[in-house]
Amino acid sequence: DLARSWHPGLETFELTVTDDHDQAKHEVEIGRFKMAGPFDVDMRELISGAKTVDPKPEDRRVICHSGHAIGILALAKLVYETAQEKGIGTHLPANWR
């Protein structure tokens, strides 16, 4: 969503991920991407194994990207299913905001 809903000042994450470093940098430079980073890793680096991350369970993580919504939906499904299988995560009630 190009971080359109992003509120500056909330950059308190131990791990920030984007879909592509160069694309994110370009989108920030032209003013389309609200979250300026820095980004620790991008999806290509994670998938290829070029970079690995080892967050602690209590670490806050964010994936902020400018790609297509279908990509983030697929990723969200994978994250959700993995969390269910491992019995981890925090359940938020339907009326949470």
Protein backbone atom coordinates (compact mmCIF):
# COMPACT_ATOMS: atom_id res chain seq x y z
CA ASP A 1 0.00 0.00 0.00
CA LEU A 2 3.08 2.24 -0.31
CA ALA A 3 2.77 2.70 3.46
CA ARG A 4 -0.09 5.13 2.92
CA SER A 5 -1.49 4.28 6.34
CA TRP A 6 1.91 4.71 7.96
CA HIS A 7 2.19 7.12 10.87
CA PRO A 8 5.69 8.66 11.03
CA GLY A 9 7.35 8.09 14.38
CA LEU A 10 6.27 4.47 14.70
CA GLU A 11 9.59 3.12 13.46
CA THR A 12 10.22 1.12 16.63
CA PHE A 13 10.82 -2.27 15.11
CA GLU A 14 13.70 -4.65 15.62
CA LEU A 15 13.31 -5.93 12.05
CA THR A 16 12.07 -4.07 8.98
CA VAL A 17 11.55 -5.90 5.70
CA THR A 18 10.68 -4.59 2.24
CA ASP A 19 10.12 -6.28 -1.08
CA ASP A 20 13.13 -4.70 -2.80
CA HIS A 21 15.71 -2.22 -1.43
CA ASP A 22 16.14 -0.32 -4.70
CA GLN A 23 12.43 -0.05 -5.36
CA ALA A 24 11.73 1.14 -1.81
CA LYS A 25 14.51 3.72 -2.04
CA HIS A 26 13.16 5.03 -5.36
CA GLU A 27 9.59 5.23 -4.03
CA VAL A 28 10.84 7.21 -0.99
CA GLU A 29 12.84 9.58 -3.23
CA ILE A 30 9.81 10.44 -5.38
CA GLY A 31 7.58 10.84 -2.33
CA ARG A 32 5.27 7.85 -2.88
CA PHE A 33 6.50 5.69 -0.01
CA LYS A 34 5.91 7.11 3.47
CA MET A 35 8.17 4.77 5.45
CA ALA A 36 11.72 5.79 4.66
CA GLY A 37 13.37 2.82 6.32
CA PRO A 38 16.03 1.85 7.00
CA PHE A 39 15.15 -1.63 5.86
CA ASP A 40 17.15 -4.49 7.33
CA VAL A 41 16.43 -6.99 4.59
CA ASP A 42 14.33 -7.43 1.49
CA MET A 43 12.25 -10.40 0.39
CA ARG A 44 14.79 -11.56 -2.22
CA GLU A 45 17.51 -11.70 0.42
CA LEU A 46 15.31 -13.70 2.78
CA ILE A 47 14.05 -16.14 0.16
CA SER A 48 17.46 -16.71 -1.43
CA GLY A 49 19.20 -17.04 1.92
CA ALA A 50 21.59 -14.20 1.05
CA LYS A 51 20.69 -12.69 4.43
CA THR A 52 19.28 -14.41 7.44
CA VAL A 53 17.52 -12.96 10.42
CA ASP A 54 17.21 -14.36 13.90
CA PRO A 55 14.63 -12.26 15.72
CA LYS A 56 13.74 -12.94 19.32
CA PRO A 57 10.11 -13.91 20.00
CA GLU A 58 9.43 -10.54 21.61
CA ASP A 59 10.88 -8.52 18.71
CA ARG A 60 8.52 -6.31 16.74
CA ARG A 61 8.73 -6.86 12.99
CA VAL A 62 7.22 -5.06 10.03
CA ILE A 63 6.98 -5.83 6.33
CA CYS A 64 6.46 -2.62 4.45
CA HIS A 65 6.52 -2.75 0.68
CA SER A 66 5.37 -1.01 -2.46
CA GLY A 67 4.58 -4.14 -4.44
CA HIS A 68 1.28 -5.70 -5.40
CA ALA A 69 -1.31 -6.55 -2.76
CA ILE A 70 -1.47 -10.19 -3.89
CA GLY A 71 2.13 -10.63 -2.76
CA ILE A 72 1.47 -9.40 0.75
CA LEU A 73 -1.71 -11.47 0.99
CA ALA A 74 0.24 -14.61 0.07
CA LEU A 75 2.91 -13.73 2.61
CA ALA A 76 0.33 -12.99 5.31
CA LYS A 77 -1.29 -16.38 4.70
CA LEU A 78 2.07 -18.11 5.05
CA VAL A 79 2.92 -16.22 8.24
CA TYR A 80 -0.51 -16.94 9.73
CA GLU A 81 -0.42 -20.65 8.91
CA THR A 82 3.12 -21.00 10.23
CA ALA A 83 2.18 -19.26 13.48
CA GLN A 84 -0.86 -21.53 13.88
CA GLU A 85 1.24 -24.65 13.28
CA LYS A 86 3.82 -23.52 15.85
CA GLY A 87 1.24 -22.25 18.32
CA ILE A 88 2.83 -18.80 18.48
CA GLY A 89 1.62 -15.24 18.04
CA THR A 90 -0.95 -13.02 19.65
CA HIS A 91 -4.63 -13.43 18.91
CA LEU A 92 -6.34 -10.07 18.40
CA PRO A 93 -10.10 -9.83 18.88
CA ALA A 94 -12.23 -8.97 15.85
CA ASN A 95 -12.94 -5.48 17.22
CA TRP A 96 -9.25 -4.66 17.87
CA ARG A 97 -8.02 -1.32 16.56
